[in-house]
Amino acid sequence: MENDSVAVQCKEHRGNLKKNFSSAPSAFTPFTGGAYSFRGAVKPAKPHSYPHQLEPVGITAPSTYRLMSMPHGRNYRDPRRINRQARNLARQRVLTQQVPCGICDRPIDDSIPWPDPMSAEVDEIIPVSRGGSATNLRNLQKVHRCCNQLKSDKSLAWARQKAKGAPALKSTAVPFKTSGW
């Protein structure tokens, strides 16, 4: 057996499984119960359900770990950040317009700084989370921050009725168009 490899008996395949490691062989220490770890690791690895698999702990850099809480996997791309420059240009164009709030129809004072609830924000009429575009000017409108938070990802009609104090529509009633295939 070479110095830079570790042989693990594999009962399922009745042979040896060699796994090469970049660290020195002296850093490798087997634990009881079939779990393996490296010195400096936070906790030892758990034994696998398959005896022929070996998972060394502590040899990969922390930057190579994948965020496991991401529901879409590593190939997910946020539509708001795919073309950030085009989105920022569209937002600037909407914010320069002198129009009332698209939800409550009250005037918007552009001199109010951002954290204030009456400051100006750009709202997506059909939210990106429901298939809307973040760069199409027809899908963007200037609104108050508090009105935008009220709307969230609901429909524009629901938010307008809620802002006026009228009985609200069903919050999932987002308009959509079908193609004429």
N, C-alpha and C. Protein backbone atom coordinates (compact mmCIF):
# COMPACT_ATOMS: atom_id res chain seq x y z
N MET A 1 0.84 -1.17 0.00
CA MET A 1 0.00 0.00 0.00
C MET A 1 0.89 1.24 0.00
N GLU A 2 0.52 2.29 -0.76
CA GLU A 2 1.30 3.50 -0.85
C GLU A 2 1.12 4.33 0.42
N ASN A 3 2.04 5.28 0.62
CA ASN A 3 1.98 6.12 1.81
C ASN A 3 0.87 7.15 1.75
N ASP A 4 0.51 7.62 0.55
CA ASP A 4 -0.48 8.68 0.45
C ASP A 4 -1.89 8.16 0.20
N SER A 5 -2.14 6.90 0.42
CA SER A 5 -3.49 6.38 0.23
C SER A 5 -3.91 5.62 1.47
N VAL A 6 -5.21 5.47 1.60
CA VAL A 6 -5.78 4.75 2.73
C VAL A 6 -6.63 3.63 2.15
N ALA A 7 -6.42 2.41 2.61
CA ALA A 7 -7.21 1.28 2.14
C ALA A 7 -8.28 0.97 3.18
N VAL A 8 -9.50 0.87 2.73
CA VAL A 8 -10.62 0.56 3.61
C VAL A 8 -11.23 -0.74 3.14
N GLN A 9 -11.42 -1.65 4.03
CA GLN A 9 -12.02 -2.93 3.67
C GLN A 9 -13.49 -2.72 3.29
N CYS A 10 -13.88 -3.21 2.16
CA CYS A 10 -15.24 -3.07 1.68
C CYS A 10 -15.89 -4.45 1.71
N LYS A 11 -16.77 -4.67 2.66
CA LYS A 11 -17.39 -5.98 2.81
C LYS A 11 -18.34 -6.29 1.66
N GLU A 12 -18.99 -5.24 1.14
CA GLU A 12 -19.97 -5.47 0.08
C GLU A 12 -19.30 -5.93 -1.22
N HIS A 13 -18.13 -5.36 -1.54
CA HIS A 13 -17.46 -5.72 -2.78
C HIS A 13 -16.31 -6.69 -2.57
N ARG A 14 -16.04 -7.08 -1.33
CA ARG A 14 -14.99 -8.03 -0.97
C ARG A 14 -13.63 -7.62 -1.57
N GLY A 15 -13.29 -6.37 -1.36
CA GLY A 15 -12.01 -5.88 -1.87
C GLY A 15 -11.59 -4.65 -1.10
N ASN A 16 -10.53 -4.04 -1.56
CA ASN A 16 -10.04 -2.82 -0.92
C ASN A 16 -10.45 -1.62 -1.75
N LEU A 17 -10.83 -0.56 -1.07
CA LEU A 17 -11.17 0.70 -1.71
C LEU A 17 -10.10 1.69 -1.33
N LYS A 18 -9.37 2.20 -2.32
CA LYS A 18 -8.31 3.15 -2.03
C LYS A 18 -8.82 4.56 -2.27
N LYS A 19 -8.53 5.41 -1.32
CA LYS A 19 -8.93 6.82 -1.42
C LYS A 19 -7.69 7.67 -1.19
N ASN A 20 -7.31 8.49 -2.16
CA ASN A 20 -6.13 9.34 -2.03
C ASN A 20 -6.50 10.63 -1.33
N PHE A 21 -5.62 11.07 -0.44
CA PHE A 21 -5.83 12.31 0.28
C PHE A 21 -4.64 13.22 0.05
N SER A 22 -4.89 14.53 0.01
CA SER A 22 -3.80 15.48 -0.20
C SER A 22 -3.02 15.74 1.08
N SER A 23 -3.61 15.48 2.25
CA SER A 23 -2.90 15.72 3.50
C SER A 23 -1.98 14.55 3.82
N ALA A 24 -1.11 14.74 4.78
CA ALA A 24 -0.17 13.69 5.17
C ALA A 24 -0.92 12.53 5.79
N PRO A 25 -0.44 11.29 5.60
CA PRO A 25 -1.13 10.15 6.16
C PRO A 25 -1.18 10.17 7.68
N SER A 26 -0.26 10.90 8.33
CA SER A 26 -0.28 10.95 9.79
C SER A 26 -1.48 11.73 10.31
N ALA A 27 -2.11 12.56 9.45
CA ALA A 27 -3.27 13.33 9.89
C ALA A 27 -4.53 12.49 9.91
N PHE A 28 -4.49 11.32 9.32
CA PHE A 28 -5.68 10.47 9.23
C PHE A 28 -5.73 9.53 10.43
N THR A 29 -6.85 9.58 11.15
CA THR A 29 -7.00 8.70 12.32
C THR A 29 -8.38 8.06 12.28
N PRO A 30 -8.47 6.73 12.24
CA PRO A 30 -9.79 6.09 12.27
C PRO A 30 -10.37 6.13 13.68
N PHE A 31 -11.68 6.28 13.76
CA PHE A 31 -12.39 6.26 15.04
C PHE A 31 -13.11 4.93 15.17
N THR A 32 -13.53 4.60 16.35
CA THR A 32 -14.27 3.36 16.55
C THR A 32 -15.66 3.50 15.94
N GLY A 33 -16.22 2.43 15.52
CA GLY A 33 -17.55 2.44 14.93
C GLY A 33 -17.55 2.70 13.45
N GLY A 34 -16.38 2.76 12.82
CA GLY A 34 -16.33 2.92 11.38
C GLY A 34 -16.34 4.37 10.92
N ALA A 35 -16.37 5.34 11.83
CA ALA A 35 -16.37 6.74 11.42
C ALA A 35 -14.93 7.20 11.25
N TYR A 36 -14.67 8.05 10.28
CA TYR A 36 -13.34 8.54 10.00
C TYR A 36 -13.32 10.04 10.14
N SER A 37 -12.19 10.58 10.53
CA SER A 37 -12.05 12.02 10.68
C SER A 37 -10.60 12.41 10.47
N PHE A 38 -10.35 13.70 10.34
CA PHE A 38 -9.01 14.25 10.26
C PHE A 38 -8.78 15.13 11.47
N ARG A 39 -7.53 15.25 11.86
CA ARG A 39 -7.22 16.14 12.97
C ARG A 39 -7.57 17.56 12.57
N GLY A 40 -8.14 18.29 13.50
CA GLY A 40 -8.55 19.66 13.21
C GLY A 40 -9.99 19.75 12.76
N ALA A 41 -10.66 18.64 12.50
CA ALA A 41 -12.06 18.67 12.11
C ALA A 41 -12.91 18.99 13.33
N VAL A 42 -14.04 19.60 13.11
CA VAL A 42 -14.91 20.01 14.20
C VAL A 42 -15.52 18.80 14.88
N LYS A 43 -16.05 17.88 14.12
CA LYS A 43 -16.62 16.67 14.69
C LYS A 43 -16.35 15.51 13.75
N PRO A 44 -16.31 14.29 14.24
CA PRO A 44 -16.03 13.15 13.36
C PRO A 44 -17.19 12.90 12.40
N ALA A 45 -16.86 12.29 11.27
CA ALA A 45 -17.88 11.96 10.29
C ALA A 45 -18.76 10.85 10.80
N LYS A 46 -20.01 10.86 10.35
CA LYS A 46 -20.92 9.78 10.73
C LYS A 46 -20.69 8.60 9.80
N PRO A 47 -20.82 7.38 10.30
CA PRO A 47 -20.65 6.23 9.41
C PRO A 47 -21.78 6.18 8.38
N HIS A 48 -21.43 5.75 7.18
CA HIS A 48 -22.41 5.67 6.11
C HIS A 48 -23.24 4.40 6.23
N SER A 49 -24.39 4.43 5.58
CA SER A 49 -25.21 3.23 5.54
C SER A 49 -24.60 2.21 4.58
N TYR A 50 -23.80 2.67 3.62
CA TYR A 50 -23.14 1.77 2.69
C TYR A 50 -21.69 1.61 3.15
N PRO A 51 -21.21 0.41 3.43
CA PRO A 51 -19.86 0.25 3.96
C PRO A 51 -18.76 0.57 2.96
N HIS A 52 -19.07 0.65 1.66
CA HIS A 52 -18.02 0.90 0.69
C HIS A 52 -17.81 2.39 0.42
N GLN A 53 -18.58 3.26 1.06
CA GLN A 53 -18.40 4.69 0.87
C GLN A 53 -17.60 5.27 2.01
N LEU A 54 -16.73 6.21 1.71
CA LEU A 54 -15.89 6.85 2.71
C LEU A 54 -16.01 8.35 2.52
N GLU A 55 -16.38 9.06 3.58
CA GLU A 55 -16.49 10.51 3.50
C GLU A 55 -15.51 11.14 4.47
N PRO A 56 -14.36 11.64 3.99
CA PRO A 56 -13.43 12.30 4.89
C PRO A 56 -13.97 13.66 5.31
N VAL A 57 -13.74 14.02 6.56
CA VAL A 57 -14.21 15.29 7.09
C VAL A 57 -13.02 16.21 7.29
N GLY A 58 -13.15 17.44 6.88
CA GLY A 58 -12.14 18.44 7.15
C GLY A 58 -11.10 18.64 6.07
N ILE A 59 -11.15 17.93 4.95
CA ILE A 59 -10.13 18.14 3.92
C ILE A 59 -10.61 19.11 2.86
N THR A 60 -11.91 19.37 2.76
CA THR A 60 -12.39 20.33 1.78
C THR A 60 -12.41 21.71 2.40
N ALA A 61 -12.14 22.72 1.59
CA ALA A 61 -12.14 24.09 2.08
C ALA A 61 -13.57 24.53 2.38
N PRO A 62 -13.77 25.39 3.37
CA PRO A 62 -15.13 25.84 3.69
C PRO A 62 -15.81 26.54 2.53
N SER A 63 -15.06 27.13 1.60
CA SER A 63 -15.67 27.83 0.48
C SER A 63 -16.29 26.87 -0.53
N THR A 64 -15.99 25.59 -0.45
CA THR A 64 -16.55 24.65 -1.40
C THR A 64 -17.87 24.05 -0.92
N TYR A 65 -18.30 24.35 0.30
CA TYR A 65 -19.56 23.82 0.77
C TYR A 65 -20.72 24.49 0.05
N ARG A 66 -21.75 23.73 -0.24
CA ARG A 66 -22.91 24.24 -0.93
C ARG A 66 -23.97 24.59 0.09
N LEU A 67 -24.71 25.67 -0.14
CA LEU A 67 -25.78 26.07 0.75
C LEU A 67 -26.93 25.09 0.60
N MET A 68 -27.17 24.28 1.62
CA MET A 68 -28.16 23.21 1.51
C MET A 68 -29.59 23.71 1.68
N SER A 69 -29.77 24.92 2.24
CA SER A 69 -31.12 25.40 2.46
C SER A 69 -31.73 26.00 1.20
N MET A 70 -30.97 26.11 0.12
CA MET A 70 -31.48 26.66 -1.12
C MET A 70 -32.43 25.66 -1.76
N PRO A 71 -33.72 25.99 -1.89
CA PRO A 71 -34.68 25.01 -2.37
C PRO A 71 -34.53 24.65 -3.84
N HIS A 72 -33.87 25.51 -4.62
CA HIS A 72 -33.80 25.28 -6.05
C HIS A 72 -32.51 24.60 -6.49
N GLY A 73 -31.60 24.35 -5.59
CA GLY A 73 -30.35 23.72 -5.96
C GLY A 73 -29.33 24.73 -6.45
N ARG A 74 -28.18 24.24 -6.86
CA ARG A 74 -27.11 25.16 -7.22
C ARG A 74 -27.30 25.79 -8.57
N ASN A 75 -28.19 25.29 -9.41
CA ASN A 75 -28.39 25.86 -10.73
C ASN A 75 -29.45 26.95 -10.74
N TYR A 76 -30.02 27.27 -9.57
CA TYR A 76 -31.04 28.31 -9.49
C TYR A 76 -30.41 29.67 -9.68
N ARG A 77 -31.02 30.50 -10.52
CA ARG A 77 -30.56 31.87 -10.72
C ARG A 77 -31.72 32.80 -10.42
N ASP A 78 -31.48 33.76 -9.54
CA ASP A 78 -32.50 34.72 -9.15
C ASP A 78 -32.82 35.62 -10.34
N PRO A 79 -34.10 35.69 -10.79
CA PRO A 79 -34.43 36.50 -11.96
C PRO A 79 -34.18 37.99 -11.74
N ARG A 80 -34.15 38.45 -10.50
CA ARG A 80 -33.89 39.86 -10.23
C ARG A 80 -32.43 40.21 -10.44
N ARG A 81 -31.55 39.21 -10.45
CA ARG A 81 -30.12 39.48 -10.55
C ARG A 81 -29.49 38.97 -11.85
N ILE A 82 -30.28 38.40 -12.73
CA ILE A 82 -29.73 37.88 -13.98
C ILE A 82 -29.17 39.02 -14.82
N ASN A 83 -29.95 40.11 -14.99
CA ASN A 83 -29.48 41.26 -15.74
C ASN A 83 -29.63 42.49 -14.85
N ARG A 84 -28.72 42.62 -13.90
CA ARG A 84 -28.81 43.68 -12.89
C ARG A 84 -28.74 45.07 -13.49
N GLN A 85 -27.92 45.26 -14.52
CA GLN A 85 -27.77 46.58 -15.12
C GLN A 85 -29.08 47.02 -15.78
N ALA A 86 -29.73 46.15 -16.52
CA ALA A 86 -30.99 46.50 -17.16
C ALA A 86 -32.07 46.78 -16.12
N ARG A 87 -32.07 46.01 -15.05
CA ARG A 87 -33.05 46.22 -13.98
C ARG A 87 -32.83 47.56 -13.30
N ASN A 88 -31.59 47.92 -13.01
CA ASN A 88 -31.29 49.20 -12.37
C ASN A 88 -31.65 50.38 -13.27
N LEU A 89 -31.41 50.26 -14.58
CA LEU A 89 -31.78 51.32 -15.51
C LEU A 89 -33.30 51.50 -15.56
N ALA A 90 -34.03 50.41 -15.58
CA ALA A 90 -35.49 50.49 -15.59
C ALA A 90 -36.01 51.11 -14.29
N ARG A 91 -35.41 50.74 -13.17
CA ARG A 91 -35.82 51.31 -11.87
C ARG A 91 -35.56 52.81 -11.83
N GLN A 92 -34.39 53.25 -12.32
CA GLN A 92 -34.08 54.68 -12.33
C GLN A 92 -35.06 55.44 -13.21
N ARG A 93 -35.43 54.85 -14.31
CA ARG A 93 -36.37 55.50 -15.23
C ARG A 93 -37.74 55.67 -14.58
N VAL A 94 -38.18 54.65 -13.85
CA VAL A 94 -39.48 54.73 -13.18
C VAL A 94 -39.43 55.74 -12.04
N LEU A 95 -38.32 55.76 -11.29
CA LEU A 95 -38.22 56.67 -10.14
C LEU A 95 -38.15 58.14 -10.55
N THR A 96 -37.72 58.45 -11.77
CA THR A 96 -37.66 59.84 -12.22
C THR A 96 -39.02 60.37 -12.66
N GLN A 97 -40.00 59.52 -12.85
CA GLN A 97 -41.33 59.96 -13.26
C GLN A 97 -42.02 60.70 -12.11
N GLN A 98 -42.76 61.74 -12.44
CA GLN A 98 -43.53 62.50 -11.45
C GLN A 98 -44.99 62.05 -11.54
N VAL A 99 -45.28 60.91 -10.94
CA VAL A 99 -46.62 60.33 -10.96
C VAL A 99 -47.04 60.01 -9.53
N PRO A 100 -48.36 59.93 -9.27
CA PRO A 100 -48.80 59.52 -7.93
C PRO A 100 -48.54 58.03 -7.70
N CYS A 101 -48.73 57.62 -6.47
CA CYS A 101 -48.52 56.21 -6.10
C CYS A 101 -49.45 55.33 -6.93
N GLY A 102 -48.93 54.25 -7.44
CA GLY A 102 -49.72 53.35 -8.27
C GLY A 102 -50.74 52.54 -7.49
N ILE A 103 -50.66 52.55 -6.16
CA ILE A 103 -51.59 51.77 -5.34
C ILE A 103 -52.61 52.66 -4.64
N CYS A 104 -52.14 53.71 -3.94
CA CYS A 104 -53.07 54.54 -3.16
C CYS A 104 -53.43 55.85 -3.86
N ASP A 105 -52.82 56.18 -4.97
CA ASP A 105 -53.06 57.39 -5.77
C ASP A 105 -52.76 58.69 -5.02
N ARG A 106 -51.96 58.65 -3.97
CA ARG A 106 -51.52 59.87 -3.28
C ARG A 106 -50.18 60.29 -3.88
N PRO A 107 -49.84 61.58 -3.81
CA PRO A 107 -48.57 62.03 -4.38
C PRO A 107 -47.37 61.47 -3.63
N ILE A 108 -46.27 61.31 -4.34
CA ILE A 108 -45.04 60.77 -3.76
C ILE A 108 -44.02 61.90 -3.70
N ASP A 109 -43.47 62.14 -2.50
CA ASP A 109 -42.44 63.15 -2.31
C ASP A 109 -41.08 62.49 -2.50
N ASP A 110 -40.36 62.89 -3.55
CA ASP A 110 -39.07 62.28 -3.86
C ASP A 110 -37.96 62.70 -2.90
N SER A 111 -38.18 63.75 -2.11
CA SER A 111 -37.14 64.21 -1.19
C SER A 111 -37.08 63.39 0.10
N ILE A 112 -38.06 62.53 0.33
CA ILE A 112 -38.07 61.69 1.53
C ILE A 112 -37.08 60.55 1.34
N PRO A 113 -36.14 60.37 2.30
CA PRO A 113 -35.14 59.30 2.15
C PRO A 113 -35.76 57.91 2.27
N TRP A 114 -35.02 56.90 1.82
CA TRP A 114 -35.52 55.55 1.66
C TRP A 114 -36.14 54.88 2.88
N PRO A 115 -35.58 54.87 4.08
CA PRO A 115 -36.21 54.02 5.11
C PRO A 115 -37.60 54.50 5.53
N ASP A 116 -37.96 55.71 5.18
CA ASP A 116 -39.27 56.24 5.56
C ASP A 116 -40.38 55.48 4.81
N PRO A 117 -41.51 55.20 5.47
CA PRO A 117 -42.60 54.47 4.80
C PRO A 117 -43.20 55.20 3.61
N MET A 118 -43.07 56.54 3.56
CA MET A 118 -43.64 57.29 2.44
C MET A 118 -42.60 57.58 1.35
N SER A 119 -41.44 56.97 1.42
CA SER A 119 -40.42 57.15 0.38
C SER A 119 -40.83 56.40 -0.88
N ALA A 120 -40.17 56.74 -1.98
CA ALA A 120 -40.51 56.15 -3.28
C ALA A 120 -39.79 54.82 -3.47
N GLU A 121 -40.53 53.87 -4.04
CA GLU A 121 -39.98 52.57 -4.42
C GLU A 121 -40.57 52.17 -5.76
N VAL A 122 -39.97 51.18 -6.37
CA VAL A 122 -40.48 50.64 -7.63
C VAL A 122 -41.15 49.31 -7.33
N ASP A 123 -42.38 49.17 -7.80
CA ASP A 123 -43.15 47.95 -7.59
C ASP A 123 -43.31 47.22 -8.91
N GLU A 124 -43.28 45.91 -8.84
CA GLU A 124 -43.56 45.08 -10.01
C GLU A 124 -45.05 44.75 -9.97
N ILE A 125 -45.79 45.15 -10.98
CA ILE A 125 -47.24 44.93 -11.01
C ILE A 125 -47.53 43.45 -10.91
N ILE A 126 -46.93 42.67 -11.77
CA ILE A 126 -46.97 41.21 -11.64
C ILE A 126 -45.61 40.82 -11.06
N PRO A 127 -45.58 40.32 -9.82
CA PRO A 127 -44.30 40.05 -9.17
C PRO A 127 -43.45 39.04 -9.93
N VAL A 128 -42.14 39.17 -9.77
CA VAL A 128 -41.20 38.24 -10.39
C VAL A 128 -41.47 36.83 -9.89
N SER A 129 -41.88 36.70 -8.63
CA SER A 129 -42.16 35.37 -8.08
C SER A 129 -43.37 34.72 -8.73
N ARG A 130 -44.18 35.51 -9.44
CA ARG A 130 -45.34 34.96 -10.14
C ARG A 130 -45.21 35.07 -11.65
N GLY A 131 -44.00 35.29 -12.13
CA GLY A 131 -43.76 35.27 -13.57
C GLY A 131 -43.63 36.62 -14.23
N GLY A 132 -43.65 37.72 -13.48
CA GLY A 132 -43.50 39.05 -14.05
C GLY A 132 -42.06 39.37 -14.39
N SER A 133 -41.87 40.46 -15.12
CA SER A 133 -40.53 40.87 -15.53
C SER A 133 -40.03 41.99 -14.62
N ALA A 134 -38.75 41.95 -14.28
CA ALA A 134 -38.15 42.99 -13.45
C ALA A 134 -37.55 44.10 -14.29
N THR A 135 -37.54 43.95 -15.61
CA THR A 135 -36.94 44.95 -16.49
C THR A 135 -37.93 45.59 -17.44
N ASN A 136 -39.11 45.04 -17.61
CA ASN A 136 -40.11 45.59 -18.52
C ASN A 136 -40.77 46.80 -17.87
N LEU A 137 -40.71 47.96 -18.52
CA LEU A 137 -41.27 49.19 -17.95
C LEU A 137 -42.78 49.11 -17.78
N ARG A 138 -43.45 48.30 -18.57
CA ARG A 138 -44.91 48.16 -18.43
C ARG A 138 -45.29 47.41 -17.15
N ASN A 139 -44.34 46.67 -16.59
CA ASN A 139 -44.60 45.90 -15.37
C ASN A 139 -44.14 46.64 -14.12
N LEU A 140 -43.55 47.83 -14.27
CA LEU A 140 -43.03 48.58 -13.13
C LEU A 140 -43.84 49.84 -12.90
N GLN A 141 -44.01 50.21 -11.63
CA GLN A 141 -44.70 51.44 -11.27
C GLN A 141 -44.07 52.02 -10.01
N LYS A 142 -44.23 53.33 -9.86
CA LYS A 142 -43.68 54.03 -8.70
C LYS A 142 -44.73 54.01 -7.59
N VAL A 143 -44.32 53.59 -6.39
CA VAL A 143 -45.24 53.49 -5.25
C VAL A 143 -44.55 53.94 -3.97
N HIS A 144 -45.35 54.16 -2.92
CA HIS A 144 -44.79 54.40 -1.59
C HIS A 144 -44.23 53.09 -1.05
N ARG A 145 -43.27 53.20 -0.16
CA ARG A 145 -42.68 52.00 0.45
C ARG A 145 -43.72 51.22 1.25
N CYS A 146 -44.56 51.92 2.01
CA CYS A 146 -45.58 51.24 2.81
C CYS A 146 -46.62 50.56 1.92
N CYS A 147 -46.95 51.17 0.79
CA CYS A 147 -47.91 50.55 -0.14
C CYS A 147 -47.30 49.30 -0.78
N ASN A 148 -46.01 49.37 -1.10
CA ASN A 148 -45.33 48.22 -1.69
C ASN A 148 -45.25 47.07 -0.70
N GLN A 149 -45.02 47.37 0.58
CA GLN A 149 -44.99 46.33 1.59
C GLN A 149 -46.38 45.73 1.80
N LEU A 150 -47.41 46.56 1.68
CA LEU A 150 -48.79 46.07 1.80
C LEU A 150 -49.11 45.11 0.65
N LYS A 151 -48.69 45.48 -0.54
CA LYS A 151 -48.98 44.65 -1.72
C LYS A 151 -48.21 43.34 -1.67
N SER A 152 -46.94 43.38 -1.29
CA SER A 152 -46.10 42.19 -1.22
C SER A 152 -46.13 41.49 -2.58
N ASP A 153 -46.55 40.22 -2.64
CA ASP A 153 -46.65 39.52 -3.93
C ASP A 153 -48.11 39.28 -4.32
N LYS A 154 -49.00 40.11 -3.80
CA LYS A 154 -50.43 39.99 -4.10
C LYS A 154 -50.73 40.73 -5.41
N SER A 155 -51.99 40.69 -5.82
CA SER A 155 -52.38 41.37 -7.05
C SER A 155 -52.53 42.86 -6.80
N LEU A 156 -52.45 43.65 -7.87
CA LEU A 156 -52.58 45.10 -7.77
C LEU A 156 -54.00 45.48 -7.33
N ALA A 157 -55.02 44.79 -7.83
CA ALA A 157 -56.40 45.08 -7.44
C ALA A 157 -56.62 44.82 -5.95
N TRP A 158 -56.03 43.74 -5.44
CA TRP A 158 -56.16 43.42 -4.02
C TRP A 158 -55.51 44.51 -3.17
N ALA A 159 -54.33 44.97 -3.57
CA ALA A 159 -53.62 46.01 -2.81
C ALA A 159 -54.36 47.34 -2.86
N ARG A 160 -54.93 47.70 -4.01
CA ARG A 160 -55.69 48.96 -4.11
C ARG A 160 -56.92 48.93 -3.21
N GLN A 161 -57.64 47.82 -3.19
CA GLN A 161 -58.81 47.72 -2.32
C GLN A 161 -58.40 47.73 -0.85
N LYS A 162 -57.30 47.09 -0.52
CA LYS A 162 -56.81 47.05 0.85
C LYS A 162 -56.36 48.44 1.30
N ALA A 163 -55.73 49.22 0.40
CA ALA A 163 -55.26 50.57 0.73
C ALA A 163 -56.43 51.52 0.93
N LYS A 164 -57.53 51.32 0.21
CA LYS A 164 -58.71 52.18 0.35
C LYS A 164 -59.61 51.74 1.50
N GLY A 165 -59.33 50.59 2.09
CA GLY A 165 -60.13 50.11 3.20
C GLY A 165 -61.35 49.32 2.78
N ALA A 166 -61.48 49.02 1.50
CA ALA A 166 -62.62 48.24 1.00
C ALA A 166 -62.39 46.76 1.29
N PRO A 167 -63.45 45.96 1.29
CA PRO A 167 -63.24 44.52 1.45
C PRO A 167 -62.33 43.99 0.34
N ALA A 168 -61.37 43.22 0.72
CA ALA A 168 -60.34 42.78 -0.21
C ALA A 168 -60.80 41.59 -1.05
N LEU A 169 -60.20 41.49 -2.22
CA LEU A 169 -60.38 40.32 -3.07
C LEU A 169 -59.57 39.17 -2.49
N LYS A 170 -59.74 38.00 -3.06
CA LYS A 170 -58.90 36.88 -2.67
C LYS A 170 -57.45 37.21 -3.04
N SER A 171 -56.52 37.03 -2.10
CA SER A 171 -55.15 37.48 -2.30
C SER A 171 -54.43 36.76 -3.43
N THR A 172 -54.90 35.62 -3.84
CA THR A 172 -54.23 34.87 -4.90
C THR A 172 -54.78 35.19 -6.28
N ALA A 173 -55.66 36.17 -6.38
CA ALA A 173 -56.27 36.52 -7.66
C ALA A 173 -55.33 37.41 -8.47
N VAL A 174 -54.26 36.85 -8.97
CA VAL A 174 -53.30 37.57 -9.79
C VAL A 174 -53.70 37.38 -11.24
N PRO A 175 -53.81 38.48 -12.00
CA PRO A 175 -54.19 38.32 -13.41
C PRO A 175 -53.09 37.64 -14.22
N PHE A 176 -53.50 36.85 -15.18
CA PHE A 176 -52.53 36.22 -16.07
C PHE A 176 -53.15 36.11 -17.45
N LYS A 177 -52.32 35.98 -18.44
CA LYS A 177 -52.77 35.87 -19.82
C LYS A 177 -52.44 34.49 -20.34
N THR A 178 -53.30 33.95 -21.16
CA THR A 178 -53.03 32.66 -21.79
C THR A 178 -52.69 32.89 -23.25
N SER A 179 -51.89 32.03 -23.79
CA SER A 179 -51.54 32.15 -25.19
C SER A 179 -52.62 31.49 -26.05
N GLY A 180 -52.76 31.93 -27.26
CA GLY A 180 -53.77 31.40 -28.16
C GLY A 180 -53.24 30.31 -29.07
N TRP A 181 -52.62 29.33 -28.50
CA TRP A 181 -52.05 28.24 -29.29
C TRP A 181 -53.13 27.55 -30.05
